[in-house]
Structures are given as C-alpha cells and as structure tokens.
Amino acid sequence: MAKPKLKEHHIHRDWCKGCGICVHYCPKSVLELDENDKVCAVRPEDCICCRLCEYRCPDLAIEIETE
C-alpha cells in the first residue's frame, strides 16, 4: 500500500483557539502558531500525513486532504 501524499492542509483559522495541541503532536514539526496564536503549516513539504494534528484538535480546525 502506498503512503498517502499530502494535497493540502485545510486550517479553519476562525475555529482555532491557539491551544498548540496540534503543534505538540506533529512528529515532523510541520505546524507552528503564528503571531496571532493561530496554527499554520510552515513546512507542508515535511508532512507525512499521519493526521495526528487532525485527530487531536479539540476544535476540529484542521483537515488533512490527501491525493
């Protein structure tokens, strides 16, 4: 079975409360909080599509879309 390939991080910034849980659980440090304490994908090319950020987000603010 082929590894999933990232198509896009869908981040609902209005839903994000800046808790940092997704940043903490990302094994490849793809995510960071910006100056407004909202999550953003700063290194999407390093994403391994594990979906830990999506599963752990208490506000359902992140969706990982794969090809």
PDB file of N, CA and C in Angstrom:
ATOM      1  N   MET A   1       0.832  -1.173   0.000  1.00  0.00           N
ATOM      2  CA  MET A   1       0.000   0.000   0.000  1.00  0.00           C
ATOM      3  C   MET A   1       0.886   1.249   0.000  1.00  0.00           C
ATOM      4  N   ALA A   2       0.609   2.181  -0.885  1.00  0.00           N
ATOM      5  CA  ALA A   2       1.396   3.402  -1.000  1.00  0.00           C
ATOM      6  C   ALA A   2       1.075   4.357   0.140  1.00  0.00           C
ATOM      7  N   LYS A   3       2.088   5.111   0.527  1.00  0.00           N
ATOM      8  CA  LYS A   3       1.884   6.120   1.558  1.00  0.00           C
ATOM      9  C   LYS A   3       1.026   7.241   0.986  1.00  0.00           C
ATOM     10  N   PRO A   4       0.131   7.790   1.807  1.00  0.00           N
ATOM     11  CA  PRO A   4      -0.686   8.905   1.305  1.00  0.00           C
ATOM     12  C   PRO A   4       0.190  10.123   1.042  1.00  0.00           C
ATOM     13  N   LYS A   5      -0.166  10.878   0.021  1.00  0.00           N
ATOM     14  CA  LYS A   5       0.562  12.083  -0.336  1.00  0.00           C
ATOM     15  C   LYS A   5      -0.312  13.292  -0.013  1.00  0.00           C
ATOM     16  N   LEU A   6       0.280  14.255   0.653  1.00  0.00           N
ATOM     17  CA  LEU A   6      -0.455  15.442   1.063  1.00  0.00           C
ATOM     18  C   LEU A   6      -0.902  16.252  -0.144  1.00  0.00           C
ATOM     19  N   LYS A   7      -2.155  16.617  -0.127  1.00  0.00           N
ATOM     20  CA  LYS A   7      -2.667  17.550  -1.128  1.00  0.00           C
ATOM     21  C   LYS A   7      -2.747  18.944  -0.512  1.00  0.00           C
ATOM     22  N   GLU A   8      -3.314  19.018   0.707  1.00  0.00           N
ATOM     23  CA  GLU A   8      -3.443  20.326   1.350  1.00  0.00           C
ATOM     24  C   GLU A   8      -3.816  20.180   2.821  1.00  0.00           C
ATOM     25  N   HIS A   9      -3.331  21.145   3.614  1.00  0.00           N
ATOM     26  CA  HIS A   9      -3.794  21.311   4.988  1.00  0.00           C
ATOM     27  C   HIS A   9      -4.949  22.301   4.930  1.00  0.00           C
ATOM     28  N   HIS A  10      -6.106  21.914   5.382  1.00  0.00           N
ATOM     29  CA  HIS A  10      -7.229  22.839   5.492  1.00  0.00           C
ATOM     30  C   HIS A  10      -7.286  23.278   6.951  1.00  0.00           C
ATOM     31  N   ILE A  11      -6.985  24.525   7.178  1.00  0.00           N
ATOM     32  CA  ILE A  11      -6.978  25.060   8.538  1.00  0.00           C
ATOM     33  C   ILE A  11      -8.072  26.114   8.645  1.00  0.00           C
ATOM     34  N   HIS A  12      -9.018  25.856   9.514  1.00  0.00           N
ATOM     35  CA  HIS A  12     -10.123  26.782   9.764  1.00  0.00           C
ATOM     36  C   HIS A  12      -9.673  27.734  10.871  1.00  0.00           C
ATOM     37  N   ARG A  13      -9.081  28.841  10.466  1.00  0.00           N
ATOM     38  CA  ARG A  13      -8.478  29.762  11.422  1.00  0.00           C
ATOM     39  C   ARG A  13      -9.504  30.372  12.383  1.00  0.00           C
ATOM     40  N   ASP A  14     -10.735  30.506  11.953  1.00  0.00           N
ATOM     41  CA  ASP A  14     -11.768  31.049  12.840  1.00  0.00           C
ATOM     42  C   ASP A  14     -12.095  30.083  13.979  1.00  0.00           C
ATOM     43  N   TRP A  15     -11.871  28.801  13.757  1.00  0.00           N
ATOM     44  CA  TRP A  15     -12.169  27.787  14.778  1.00  0.00           C
ATOM     45  C   TRP A  15     -10.984  27.575  15.721  1.00  0.00           C
ATOM     46  N   CYS A  16      -9.781  27.866  15.249  1.00  0.00           N
ATOM     47  CA  CYS A  16      -8.556  27.619  16.026  1.00  0.00           C
ATOM     48  C   CYS A  16      -8.497  28.566  17.218  1.00  0.00           C
ATOM     49  N   LYS A  17      -8.287  27.981  18.411  1.00  0.00           N
ATOM     50  CA  LYS A  17      -8.159  28.821  19.611  1.00  0.00           C
ATOM     51  C   LYS A  17      -6.705  28.958  20.058  1.00  0.00           C
ATOM     52  N   GLY A  18      -5.785  28.386  19.282  1.00  0.00           N
ATOM     53  CA  GLY A  18      -4.365  28.548  19.568  1.00  0.00           C
ATOM     54  C   GLY A  18      -3.856  27.754  20.737  1.00  0.00           C
ATOM     55  N   CYS A  19      -4.452  26.600  20.996  1.00  0.00           N
ATOM     56  CA  CYS A  19      -4.038  25.793  22.143  1.00  0.00           C
ATOM     57  C   CYS A  19      -2.669  25.130  21.951  1.00  0.00           C
ATOM     58  N   GLY A  20      -2.278  24.894  20.690  1.00  0.00           N
ATOM     59  CA  GLY A  20      -0.970  24.312  20.401  1.00  0.00           C
ATOM     60  C   GLY A  20      -0.909  22.799  20.477  1.00  0.00           C
ATOM     61  N   ILE A  21      -2.019  22.141  20.700  1.00  0.00           N
ATOM     62  CA  ILE A  21      -2.020  20.673  20.777  1.00  0.00           C
ATOM     63  C   ILE A  21      -1.529  20.071  19.471  1.00  0.00           C
ATOM     64  N   CYS A  22      -2.001  20.586  18.349  1.00  0.00           N
ATOM     65  CA  CYS A  22      -1.586  20.063  17.044  1.00  0.00           C
ATOM     66  C   CYS A  22      -0.085  20.248  16.836  1.00  0.00           C
ATOM     67  N   VAL A  23       0.442  21.390  17.253  1.00  0.00           N
ATOM     68  CA  VAL A  23       1.876  21.671  17.123  1.00  0.00           C
ATOM     69  C   VAL A  23       2.674  20.663  17.939  1.00  0.00           C
ATOM     70  N   HIS A  24       2.210  20.385  19.137  1.00  0.00           N
ATOM     71  CA  HIS A  24       2.897  19.449  20.026  1.00  0.00           C
ATOM     72  C   HIS A  24       2.933  18.032  19.453  1.00  0.00           C
ATOM     73  N   TYR A  25       1.837  17.575  18.869  1.00  0.00           N
ATOM     74  CA  TYR A  25       1.756  16.197  18.404  1.00  0.00           C
ATOM     75  C   TYR A  25       2.342  15.966  17.019  1.00  0.00           C
ATOM     76  N   CYS A  26       2.618  17.003  16.246  1.00  0.00           N
ATOM     77  CA  CYS A  26       3.160  16.814  14.896  1.00  0.00           C
ATOM     78  C   CYS A  26       4.583  16.256  14.978  1.00  0.00           C
ATOM     79  N   PRO A  27       4.809  15.034  14.454  1.00  0.00           N
ATOM     80  CA  PRO A  27       6.130  14.421  14.575  1.00  0.00           C
ATOM     81  C   PRO A  27       7.187  15.057  13.676  1.00  0.00           C
ATOM     82  N   LYS A  28       6.783  15.859  12.710  1.00  0.00           N
ATOM     83  CA  LYS A  28       7.727  16.459  11.764  1.00  0.00           C
ATOM     84  C   LYS A  28       7.818  17.976  11.877  1.00  0.00           C
ATOM     85  N   SER A  29       7.242  18.550  12.918  1.00  0.00           N
ATOM     86  CA  SER A  29       7.271  20.000  13.150  1.00  0.00           C
ATOM     87  C   SER A  29       6.787  20.801  11.948  1.00  0.00           C
ATOM     88  N   VAL A  30       5.701  20.335  11.342  1.00  0.00           N
ATOM     89  CA  VAL A  30       5.112  20.998  10.185  1.00  0.00           C
ATOM     90  C   VAL A  30       4.336  22.236  10.614  1.00  0.00           C
ATOM     91  N   LEU A  31       3.736  22.173  11.783  1.00  0.00           N
ATOM     92  CA  LEU A  31       2.847  23.237  12.242  1.00  0.00           C
ATOM     93  C   LEU A  31       3.506  24.143  13.274  1.00  0.00           C
ATOM     94  N   GLU A  32       3.102  25.415  13.237  1.00  0.00           N
ATOM     95  CA  GLU A  32       3.530  26.383  14.236  1.00  0.00           C
ATOM     96  C   GLU A  32       2.377  27.348  14.486  1.00  0.00           C
ATOM     97  N   LEU A  33       2.421  28.009  15.625  1.00  0.00           N
ATOM     98  CA  LEU A  33       1.459  29.076  15.899  1.00  0.00           C
ATOM     99  C   LEU A  33       2.046  30.381  15.381  1.00  0.00           C
ATOM    100  N   ASP A  34       1.225  31.177  14.705  1.00  0.00           N
ATOM    101  CA  ASP A  34       1.695  32.448  14.164  1.00  0.00           C
ATOM    102  C   ASP A  34       1.593  33.549  15.215  1.00  0.00           C
ATOM    103  N   GLU A  35       1.806  34.794  14.805  1.00  0.00           N
ATOM    104  CA  GLU A  35       1.794  35.924  15.736  1.00  0.00           C
ATOM    105  C   GLU A  35       0.418  36.171  16.345  1.00  0.00           C
ATOM    106  N   ASN A  36      -0.629  35.605  15.736  1.00  0.00           N
ATOM    107  CA  ASN A  36      -1.989  35.723  16.277  1.00  0.00           C
ATOM    108  C   ASN A  36      -2.411  34.480  17.052  1.00  0.00           C
ATOM    109  N   ASP A  37      -1.463  33.602  17.356  1.00  0.00           N
ATOM    110  CA  ASP A  37      -1.726  32.334  18.042  1.00  0.00           C
ATOM    111  C   ASP A  37      -2.736  31.476  17.292  1.00  0.00           C
ATOM    112  N   LYS A  38      -2.589  31.447  15.982  1.00  0.00           N
ATOM    113  CA  LYS A  38      -3.393  30.572  15.119  1.00  0.00           C
ATOM    114  C   LYS A  38      -2.421  29.624  14.432  1.00  0.00           C
ATOM    115  N   VAL A  39      -2.839  28.376  14.253  1.00  0.00           N
ATOM    116  CA  VAL A  39      -1.957  27.384  13.651  1.00  0.00           C
ATOM    117  C   VAL A  39      -1.794  27.651  12.150  1.00  0.00           C
ATOM    118  N   CYS A  40      -0.594  27.378  11.660  1.00  0.00           N
ATOM    119  CA  CYS A  40      -0.327  27.443  10.227  1.00  0.00           C
ATOM    120  C   CYS A  40       0.702  26.366   9.882  1.00  0.00           C
ATOM    121  N   ALA A  41       0.616  25.888   8.652  1.00  0.00           N
ATOM    122  CA  ALA A  41       1.546  24.856   8.167  1.00  0.00           C
ATOM    123  C   ALA A  41       2.756  25.565   7.574  1.00  0.00           C
ATOM    124  N   VAL A  42       3.859  25.576   8.309  1.00  0.00           N
ATOM    125  CA  VAL A  42       5.049  26.292   7.861  1.00  0.00           C
ATOM    126  C   VAL A  42       5.989  25.409   7.039  1.00  0.00           C
ATOM    127  N   ARG A  43       5.879  24.090   7.183  1.00  0.00           N
ATOM    128  CA  ARG A  43       6.702  23.156   6.426  1.00  0.00           C
ATOM    129  C   ARG A  43       5.836  22.022   5.850  1.00  0.00           C
ATOM    130  N   PRO A  44       4.870  22.352   4.979  1.00  0.00           N
ATOM    131  CA  PRO A  44       3.962  21.310   4.466  1.00  0.00           C
ATOM    132  C   PRO A  44       4.677  20.211   3.687  1.00  0.00           C
ATOM    133  N   GLU A  45       5.834  20.520   3.132  1.00  0.00           N
ATOM    134  CA  GLU A  45       6.581  19.509   2.375  1.00  0.00           C
ATOM    135  C   GLU A  45       7.110  18.389   3.267  1.00  0.00           C
ATOM    136  N   ASP A  46       7.173  18.621   4.579  1.00  0.00           N
ATOM    137  CA  ASP A  46       7.647  17.603   5.526  1.00  0.00           C
ATOM    138  C   ASP A  46       6.517  16.740   6.084  1.00  0.00           C
ATOM    139  N   CYS A  47       5.277  17.067   5.760  1.00  0.00           N
ATOM    140  CA  CYS A  47       4.114  16.351   6.306  1.00  0.00           C
ATOM    141  C   CYS A  47       4.101  14.900   5.833  1.00  0.00           C
ATOM    142  N   ILE A  48       3.898  13.974   6.776  1.00  0.00           N
ATOM    143  CA  ILE A  48       3.823  12.547   6.446  1.00  0.00           C
ATOM    144  C   ILE A  48       2.384  12.031   6.481  1.00  0.00           C
ATOM    145  N   CYS A  49       1.437  12.940   6.591  1.00  0.00           N
ATOM    146  CA  CYS A  49       0.000  12.613   6.568  1.00  0.00           C
ATOM    147  C   CYS A  49      -0.407  11.625   7.657  1.00  0.00           C
ATOM    148  N   CYS A  50       0.162  11.773   8.831  1.00  0.00           N
ATOM    149  CA  CYS A  50      -0.192  10.895   9.944  1.00  0.00           C
ATOM    150  C   CYS A  50      -1.544  11.282  10.548  1.00  0.00           C
ATOM    151  N   ARG A  51      -1.968  12.503  10.316  1.00  0.00           N
ATOM    152  CA  ARG A  51      -3.243  13.047  10.765  1.00  0.00           C
ATOM    153  C   ARG A  51      -3.354  13.227  12.279  1.00  0.00           C
ATOM    154  N   LEU A  52      -2.238  13.166  12.982  1.00  0.00           N
ATOM    155  CA  LEU A  52      -2.296  13.370  14.432  1.00  0.00           C
ATOM    156  C   LEU A  52      -2.835  14.755  14.768  1.00  0.00           C
ATOM    157  N   CYS A  53      -2.484  15.754  13.976  1.00  0.00           N
ATOM    158  CA  CYS A  53      -2.994  17.106  14.228  1.00  0.00           C
ATOM    159  C   CYS A  53      -4.508  17.146  14.056  1.00  0.00           C
ATOM    160  N   GLU A  54      -4.991  16.489  13.029  1.00  0.00           N
ATOM    161  CA  GLU A  54      -6.429  16.455  12.752  1.00  0.00           C
ATOM    162  C   GLU A  54      -7.179  15.716  13.863  1.00  0.00           C
ATOM    163  N   TYR A  55      -6.645  14.575  14.277  1.00  0.00           N
ATOM    164  CA  TYR A  55      -7.310  13.766  15.302  1.00  0.00           C
ATOM    165  C   TYR A  55      -7.276  14.410  16.682  1.00  0.00           C
ATOM    166  N   ARG A  56      -6.200  15.136  16.987  1.00  0.00           N
ATOM    167  CA  ARG A  56      -6.025  15.706  18.326  1.00  0.00           C
ATOM    168  C   ARG A  56      -6.654  17.083  18.508  1.00  0.00           C
ATOM    169  N   CYS A  57      -6.968  17.772  17.421  1.00  0.00           N
ATOM    170  CA  CYS A  57      -7.514  19.131  17.532  1.00  0.00           C
ATOM    171  C   CYS A  57      -8.884  19.095  18.206  1.00  0.00           C
ATOM    172  N   PRO A  58      -9.011  19.734  19.370  1.00  0.00           N
ATOM    173  CA  PRO A  58     -10.298  19.715  20.074  1.00  0.00           C
ATOM    174  C   PRO A  58     -11.374  20.569  19.390  1.00  0.00           C
ATOM    175  N   ASP A  59     -10.962  21.437  18.481  1.00  0.00           N
ATOM    176  CA  ASP A  59     -11.906  22.333  17.815  1.00  0.00           C
ATOM    177  C   ASP A  59     -12.199  21.931  16.374  1.00  0.00           C
ATOM    178  N   LEU A  60     -11.649  20.792  15.939  1.00  0.00           N
ATOM    179  CA  LEU A  60     -11.844  20.296  14.569  1.00  0.00           C
ATOM    180  C   LEU A  60     -11.434  21.333  13.536  1.00  0.00           C
ATOM    181  N   ALA A  61     -10.372  22.087  13.833  1.00  0.00           N
ATOM    182  CA  ALA A  61      -9.940  23.182  12.987  1.00  0.00           C
ATOM    183  C   ALA A  61      -8.982  22.749  11.866  1.00  0.00           C
ATOM    184  N   ILE A  62      -8.541  21.491  11.869  1.00  0.00           N
ATOM    185  CA  ILE A  62      -7.580  21.030  10.876  1.00  0.00           C
ATOM    186  C   ILE A  62      -8.125  19.820  10.146  1.00  0.00           C
ATOM    187  N   GLU A  63      -7.999  19.855   8.834  1.00  0.00           N
ATOM    188  CA  GLU A  63      -8.326  18.704   7.997  1.00  0.00           C
ATOM    189  C   GLU A  63      -7.146  18.459   7.070  1.00  0.00           C
ATOM    190  N   ILE A  64      -6.746  17.211   6.938  1.00  0.00           N
ATOM    191  CA  ILE A  64      -5.664  16.834   6.046  1.00  0.00           C
ATOM    192  C   ILE A  64      -6.282  16.204   4.801  1.00  0.00           C
ATOM    193  N   GLU A  65      -6.011  16.797   3.655  1.00  0.00           N
ATOM    194  CA  GLU A  65      -6.512  16.257   2.391  1.00  0.00           C
ATOM    195  C   GLU A  65      -5.358  15.582   1.664  1.00  0.00           C
ATOM    196  N   THR A  66      -5.572  14.329   1.290  1.00  0.00           N
ATOM    197  CA  THR A  66      -4.535  13.580   0.571  1.00  0.00           C
ATOM    198  C   THR A  66      -4.986  13.291  -0.849  1.00  0.00           C
ATOM    199  N   GLU A  67      -4.001  12.953  -1.671  1.00  0.00           N
ATOM    200  CA  GLU A  67      -4.307  12.617  -3.080  1.00  0.00           C
ATOM    201  C   GLU A  67      -4.679  11.161  -3.202  1.00  0.00           C
TER     202      GLU A  67
END
